[in-house]
Amino acid sequence: MTQLAPGSPVRIEMQKWGGRAHWSYDALWLGVDEHGTWLGIPTGTHMARPGATYVNPTDQVCLVPSTSIAAGAWFATYHSPGSTMKVYVDMATPSIWHGPLLRAVDLDLDVIRRLDDGVIIDDEDEFVEHQKEFGYPDEVVALAETACADVARLVEKWAPPFDALTPERWFRVLAESSRA
C-alpha cells in the first residue's frame, strides 16, 4: 500500500470467515515503523457490526503488523488510560490494503493484557465452534493457533511492540492528527 500522510482517513472492515460482516469503523493513518503500520481511533469513533454498535470512550491506536512478527496473522489495539484493558490482539488473517481500506478476517482468538497486567487468551470456545460452523481450513486453524501462542508469549514478556513504550509514540501522533 502507498503510505498516506499522518491523519489521512482509512476504513477498517473486519470480517468473519466466509465473508460474514464483523466490525467496521473509520480510523486515521498515523505512520509506519519496524513493527508495521499504525492507525489511530480517536475517542468517540463509532464502530458497528451486525447487531451491535459501539462508541469508543478512549483513544486507541492499532498496529497492523509487518509479516515478520507471528506471520502477521493478528491485529493489535492499544487502549489509552480510562479503558477496560491495555491491549487487545485479535488473531486474524494477514491484513490486506485496498487503497485506504483495510480488510482482514477475524479468527476469534484474542490475547488481552488486562489493567492488572494479567494476560489472557479469550474466545477459545468460539474458535472451536467456528471451526465447525464456518469450516475453517486446517491451515487457517494452524495459523491462528501459532500466531496466538507467539503473540501471547510476546505480550507476557512485554516484548516490543507489546511493551509500554512502543504505542506511546503513536498516541502522541494521534493527538497531533486529531488536533489538525
C-alpha atoms as a PDB file:
ATOM      1  CA  MET A   1       0.000   0.000   0.000  1.00  0.00           C
ATOM      2  CA  THR A   2       1.112   3.531  -0.657  1.00  0.00           C
ATOM      3  CA  GLN A   3       1.851   5.366   2.554  1.00  0.00           C
ATOM      4  CA  LEU A   4      -0.576   8.119   3.457  1.00  0.00           C
ATOM      5  CA  ALA A   5       0.045  11.364   5.305  1.00  0.00           C
ATOM      6  CA  PRO A   6      -0.461  11.245   9.074  1.00  0.00           C
ATOM      7  CA  GLY A   7      -4.112  11.986   9.830  1.00  0.00           C
ATOM      8  CA  SER A   8      -5.403  10.661   6.498  1.00  0.00           C
ATOM      9  CA  PRO A   9      -8.667   8.753   6.850  1.00  0.00           C
ATOM     10  CA  VAL A  10      -8.737   4.980   6.451  1.00  0.00           C
ATOM     11  CA  ARG A  11     -11.536   2.464   6.762  1.00  0.00           C
ATOM     12  CA  ILE A  12     -11.185  -0.810   8.668  1.00  0.00           C
ATOM     13  CA  GLU A  13     -13.538  -3.645   7.689  1.00  0.00           C
ATOM     14  CA  MET A  14     -13.087  -6.837   9.623  1.00  0.00           C
ATOM     15  CA  GLN A  15     -14.953  -9.947   8.551  1.00  0.00           C
ATOM     16  CA  LYS A  16     -15.602 -13.390   9.920  1.00  0.00           C
ATOM     17  CA  TRP A  17     -14.735 -16.426   7.828  1.00  0.00           C
ATOM     18  CA  GLY A  18     -16.802 -16.857   4.667  1.00  0.00           C
ATOM     19  CA  GLY A  19     -17.295 -13.108   4.082  1.00  0.00           C
ATOM     20  CA  ARG A  20     -19.538 -12.567   7.110  1.00  0.00           C
ATOM     21  CA  ALA A  21     -19.510  -8.926   8.208  1.00  0.00           C
ATOM     22  CA  HIS A  22     -17.828  -8.086  11.511  1.00  0.00           C
ATOM     23  CA  TRP A  23     -16.583  -4.779  12.987  1.00  0.00           C
ATOM     24  CA  SER A  24     -16.247  -1.786  10.641  1.00  0.00           C
ATOM     25  CA  TYR A  25     -15.055   1.702  11.549  1.00  0.00           C
ATOM     26  CA  ASP A  26     -13.060   4.700  10.423  1.00  0.00           C
ATOM     27  CA  ALA A  27      -9.538   5.414  11.610  1.00  0.00           C
ATOM     28  CA  LEU A  28      -6.614   7.713  10.864  1.00  0.00           C
ATOM     29  CA  TRP A  29      -3.322   6.739   9.248  1.00  0.00           C
ATOM     30  CA  LEU A  30      -0.533   7.519  11.732  1.00  0.00           C
ATOM     31  CA  GLY A  31       2.613   6.063  10.171  1.00  0.00           C
ATOM     32  CA  VAL A  32       4.903   3.072   9.820  1.00  0.00           C
ATOM     33  CA  ASP A  33       7.733   1.742  11.956  1.00  0.00           C
ATOM     34  CA  GLU A  34       9.673  -1.513  12.182  1.00  0.00           C
ATOM     35  CA  HIS A  35       6.606  -3.259  13.649  1.00  0.00           C
ATOM     36  CA  GLY A  36       4.139  -2.326  10.921  1.00  0.00           C
ATOM     37  CA  THR A  37       1.509   0.278  10.126  1.00  0.00           C
ATOM     38  CA  TRP A  38      -0.081   2.313  12.911  1.00  0.00           C
ATOM     39  CA  LEU A  39      -3.642   3.633  12.817  1.00  0.00           C
ATOM     40  CA  GLY A  40      -5.462   5.867  15.269  1.00  0.00           C
ATOM     41  CA  ILE A  41      -9.023   5.647  16.520  1.00  0.00           C
ATOM     42  CA  PRO A  42      -9.988   8.868  18.303  1.00  0.00           C
ATOM     43  CA  THR A  43     -12.332   8.924  21.289  1.00  0.00           C
ATOM     44  CA  GLY A  44     -15.938   8.939  20.087  1.00  0.00           C
ATOM     45  CA  THR A  45     -15.388   6.830  16.967  1.00  0.00           C
ATOM     46  CA  HIS A  46     -18.498   4.858  16.004  1.00  0.00           C
ATOM     47  CA  MET A  47     -17.944   1.163  15.381  1.00  0.00           C
ATOM     48  CA  ALA A  48     -20.554  -1.231  14.056  1.00  0.00           C
ATOM     49  CA  ARG A  49     -21.072  -4.898  13.335  1.00  0.00           C
ATOM     50  CA  PRO A  50     -24.265  -6.794  12.575  1.00  0.00           C
ATOM     51  CA  GLY A  51     -26.442  -6.499  15.672  1.00  0.00           C
ATOM     52  CA  ALA A  52     -24.155  -4.175  17.641  1.00  0.00           C
ATOM     53  CA  THR A  53     -22.738  -0.671  17.736  1.00  0.00           C
ATOM     54  CA  TYR A  54     -20.097   0.823  19.980  1.00  0.00           C
ATOM     55  CA  VAL A  55     -18.631   4.273  20.534  1.00  0.00           C
ATOM     56  CA  ASN A  56     -15.112   4.017  21.902  1.00  0.00           C
ATOM     57  CA  PRO A  57     -14.730   6.003  25.125  1.00  0.00           C
ATOM     58  CA  THR A  58     -10.950   6.487  24.882  1.00  0.00           C
ATOM     59  CA  ASP A  59      -8.309   6.936  22.202  1.00  0.00           C
ATOM     60  CA  GLN A  60      -6.938   3.765  20.671  1.00  0.00           C
ATOM     61  CA  VAL A  61      -4.039   3.037  18.350  1.00  0.00           C
ATOM     62  CA  CYS A  62      -3.911  -0.054  16.179  1.00  0.00           C
ATOM     63  CA  LEU A  63      -0.934  -1.925  14.822  1.00  0.00           C
ATOM     64  CA  VAL A  64      -1.247  -3.760  11.521  1.00  0.00           C
ATOM     65  CA  PRO A  65       1.880  -5.903  11.786  1.00  0.00           C
ATOM     66  CA  SER A  66       4.605  -6.486   9.305  1.00  0.00           C
ATOM     67  CA  THR A  67       4.583 -10.145   8.356  1.00  0.00           C
ATOM     68  CA  SER A  68       7.811 -10.703  10.284  1.00  0.00           C
ATOM     69  CA  ILE A  69       6.005 -10.873  13.643  1.00  0.00           C
ATOM     70  CA  ALA A  70       3.994 -14.088  14.204  1.00  0.00           C
ATOM     71  CA  ALA A  71       3.353 -14.348  10.457  1.00  0.00           C
ATOM     72  CA  GLY A  72       1.416 -11.061  10.550  1.00  0.00           C
ATOM     73  CA  ALA A  73      -1.677 -13.035  11.496  1.00  0.00           C
ATOM     74  CA  TRP A  74      -3.017 -10.596  14.103  1.00  0.00           C
ATOM     75  CA  PHE A  75      -4.236  -7.046  14.593  1.00  0.00           C
ATOM     76  CA  ALA A  76      -3.449  -5.217  17.852  1.00  0.00           C
ATOM     77  CA  THR A  77      -5.412  -2.409  19.512  1.00  0.00           C
ATOM     78  CA  TYR A  78      -3.782  -0.433  22.319  1.00  0.00           C
ATOM     79  CA  HIS A  79      -6.090   1.417  24.713  1.00  0.00           C
ATOM     80  CA  SER A  80      -5.345   4.708  26.437  1.00  0.00           C
ATOM     81  CA  PRO A  81      -5.918   5.177  30.177  1.00  0.00           C
ATOM     82  CA  GLY A  82      -9.556   5.011  31.187  1.00  0.00           C
ATOM     83  CA  SER A  83     -10.249   1.895  29.140  1.00  0.00           C
ATOM     84  CA  THR A  84     -11.085  -1.553  30.481  1.00  0.00           C
ATOM     85  CA  MET A  85      -7.831  -3.096  29.144  1.00  0.00           C
ATOM     86  CA  LYS A  86      -4.363  -2.160  27.899  1.00  0.00           C
ATOM     87  CA  VAL A  87      -4.002  -4.145  24.694  1.00  0.00           C
ATOM     88  CA  TYR A  88      -6.344  -6.383  22.720  1.00  0.00           C
ATOM     89  CA  VAL A  89      -4.824  -8.535  19.984  1.00  0.00           C
ATOM     90  CA  ASP A  90      -7.189 -10.205  17.513  1.00  0.00           C
ATOM     91  CA  MET A  91      -5.853 -13.253  15.698  1.00  0.00           C
ATOM     92  CA  ALA A  92      -6.739 -12.666  12.071  1.00  0.00           C
ATOM     93  CA  THR A  93      -5.677 -13.425   8.565  1.00  0.00           C
ATOM     94  CA  PRO A  94      -2.892 -11.127   7.382  1.00  0.00           C
ATOM     95  CA  SER A  95      -4.396  -7.715   6.638  1.00  0.00           C
ATOM     96  CA  ILE A  96      -4.862  -6.607   3.044  1.00  0.00           C
ATOM     97  CA  TRP A  97      -4.918  -2.981   1.940  1.00  0.00           C
ATOM     98  CA  HIS A  98      -7.146  -1.782  -0.899  1.00  0.00           C
ATOM     99  CA  GLY A  99      -6.079   1.864  -1.098  1.00  0.00           C
ATOM    100  CA  PRO A 100      -7.192   3.440   2.208  1.00  0.00           C
ATOM    101  CA  LEU A 101      -9.379   0.395   3.032  1.00  0.00           C
ATOM    102  CA  LEU A 102      -8.002  -2.338   5.311  1.00  0.00           C
ATOM    103  CA  ARG A 103      -9.569  -5.791   5.409  1.00  0.00           C
ATOM    104  CA  ALA A 104      -8.816  -8.895   7.438  1.00  0.00           C
ATOM    105  CA  VAL A 105     -10.711 -11.933   8.682  1.00  0.00           C
ATOM    106  CA  ASP A 106     -11.065 -12.189  12.463  1.00  0.00           C
ATOM    107  CA  LEU A 107     -10.224 -15.722  13.617  1.00  0.00           C
ATOM    108  CA  ASP A 108     -11.809 -15.473  17.075  1.00  0.00           C
ATOM    109  CA  LEU A 109      -8.800 -15.990  19.343  1.00  0.00           C
ATOM    110  CA  ASP A 110      -7.697 -12.883  21.255  1.00  0.00           C
ATOM    111  CA  VAL A 111      -4.754 -12.107  23.520  1.00  0.00           C
ATOM    112  CA  ILE A 112      -5.633  -9.442  26.091  1.00  0.00           C
ATOM    113  CA  ARG A 113      -3.461  -7.550  28.562  1.00  0.00           C
ATOM    114  CA  ARG A 114      -5.806  -6.506  31.351  1.00  0.00           C
ATOM    115  CA  LEU A 115      -5.475  -3.411  33.507  1.00  0.00           C
ATOM    116  CA  ASP A 116      -3.842  -5.510  36.258  1.00  0.00           C
ATOM    117  CA  ASP A 117      -1.228  -6.551  33.631  1.00  0.00           C
ATOM    118  CA  GLY A 118      -2.540 -10.126  33.579  1.00  0.00           C
ATOM    119  CA  VAL A 119      -2.590 -11.742  30.132  1.00  0.00           C
ATOM    120  CA  ILE A 120      -5.434 -13.957  28.982  1.00  0.00           C
ATOM    121  CA  ILE A 121      -6.397 -15.793  25.818  1.00  0.00           C
ATOM    122  CA  ASP A 122     -10.053 -15.143  25.071  1.00  0.00           C
ATOM    123  CA  ASP A 123     -12.689 -16.784  22.869  1.00  0.00           C
ATOM    124  CA  GLU A 124     -11.101 -20.226  22.649  1.00  0.00           C
ATOM    125  CA  ASP A 125     -14.614 -21.716  22.803  1.00  0.00           C
ATOM    126  CA  GLU A 126     -15.775 -19.503  19.917  1.00  0.00           C
ATOM    127  CA  PHE A 127     -12.712 -20.562  17.903  1.00  0.00           C
ATOM    128  CA  VAL A 128     -13.609 -24.248  18.325  1.00  0.00           C
ATOM    129  CA  GLU A 129     -17.286 -23.614  17.461  1.00  0.00           C
ATOM    130  CA  HIS A 130     -16.445 -21.570  14.364  1.00  0.00           C
ATOM    131  CA  GLN A 131     -14.002 -24.179  13.076  1.00  0.00           C
ATOM    132  CA  LYS A 132     -17.002 -26.473  12.676  1.00  0.00           C
ATOM    133  CA  GLU A 133     -19.687 -23.895  11.866  1.00  0.00           C
ATOM    134  CA  PHE A 134     -17.688 -21.890   9.292  1.00  0.00           C
ATOM    135  CA  GLY A 135     -15.421 -24.683   8.072  1.00  0.00           C
ATOM    136  CA  TYR A 136     -12.018 -23.165   8.775  1.00  0.00           C
ATOM    137  CA  PRO A 137      -9.387 -24.945   6.667  1.00  0.00           C
ATOM    138  CA  ASP A 138      -6.696 -26.779   8.637  1.00  0.00           C
ATOM    139  CA  GLU A 139      -4.030 -24.257   7.581  1.00  0.00           C
ATOM    140  CA  VAL A 140      -6.161 -21.373   8.926  1.00  0.00           C
ATOM    141  CA  VAL A 141      -6.611 -23.161  12.256  1.00  0.00           C
ATOM    142  CA  ALA A 142      -2.846 -23.743  12.448  1.00  0.00           C
ATOM    143  CA  LEU A 143      -2.140 -20.100  11.529  1.00  0.00           C
ATOM    144  CA  ALA A 144      -4.443 -18.788  14.280  1.00  0.00           C
ATOM    145  CA  GLU A 145      -3.121 -21.181  16.921  1.00  0.00           C
ATOM    146  CA  THR A 146       0.532 -20.473  16.101  1.00  0.00           C
ATOM    147  CA  ALA A 147       0.028 -16.707  15.957  1.00  0.00           C
ATOM    148  CA  CYS A 148      -1.905 -16.768  19.241  1.00  0.00           C
ATOM    149  CA  ALA A 149       0.829 -18.709  21.046  1.00  0.00           C
ATOM    150  CA  ASP A 150       3.564 -16.458  19.617  1.00  0.00           C
ATOM    151  CA  VAL A 151       1.709 -13.227  20.427  1.00  0.00           C
ATOM    152  CA  ALA A 152       0.793 -14.415  23.945  1.00  0.00           C
ATOM    153  CA  ARG A 153       4.496 -15.103  24.675  1.00  0.00           C
ATOM    154  CA  LEU A 154       5.462 -11.626  23.424  1.00  0.00           C
ATOM    155  CA  VAL A 155       2.681  -9.900  25.386  1.00  0.00           C
ATOM    156  CA  GLU A 156       3.577 -11.785  28.580  1.00  0.00           C
ATOM    157  CA  LYS A 157       7.252 -10.774  28.228  1.00  0.00           C
ATOM    158  CA  TRP A 158       6.374  -7.118  27.477  1.00  0.00           C
ATOM    159  CA  ALA A 159       8.382  -7.553  24.266  1.00  0.00           C
ATOM    160  CA  PRO A 160       8.075  -4.855  21.597  1.00  0.00           C
ATOM    161  CA  PRO A 161       5.659  -3.976  20.131  1.00  0.00           C
ATOM    162  CA  PHE A 162       3.718  -5.095  23.228  1.00  0.00           C
ATOM    163  CA  ASP A 163       5.781  -3.101  25.696  1.00  0.00           C
ATOM    164  CA  ALA A 164       4.502   0.061  27.356  1.00  0.00           C
ATOM    165  CA  LEU A 165       6.670   2.460  25.319  1.00  0.00           C
ATOM    166  CA  THR A 166       6.118   1.436  21.685  1.00  0.00           C
ATOM    167  CA  PRO A 167       2.483   2.580  21.373  1.00  0.00           C
ATOM    168  CA  GLU A 168       3.126   5.836  23.290  1.00  0.00           C
ATOM    169  CA  ARG A 169       4.744   7.429  20.236  1.00  0.00           C
ATOM    170  CA  TRP A 170       1.641   6.634  18.217  1.00  0.00           C
ATOM    171  CA  PHE A 171      -0.747   8.005  20.846  1.00  0.00           C
ATOM    172  CA  ARG A 172       1.174  11.310  20.508  1.00  0.00           C
ATOM    173  CA  VAL A 173       0.836  11.203  16.713  1.00  0.00           C
ATOM    174  CA  LEU A 174      -2.905  10.504  17.107  1.00  0.00           C
ATOM    175  CA  ALA A 175      -3.265  13.511  19.426  1.00  0.00           C
ATOM    176  CA  GLU A 176      -1.473  15.731  16.901  1.00  0.00           C
ATOM    177  CA  SER A 177      -3.539  14.345  13.975  1.00  0.00           C
ATOM    178  CA  SER A 178      -6.807  14.810  15.868  1.00  0.00           C
ATOM    179  CA  ARG A 179      -5.984  18.473  16.536  1.00  0.00           C
ATOM    180  CA  ALA A 180      -5.173  19.195  12.886  1.00  0.00           C
END
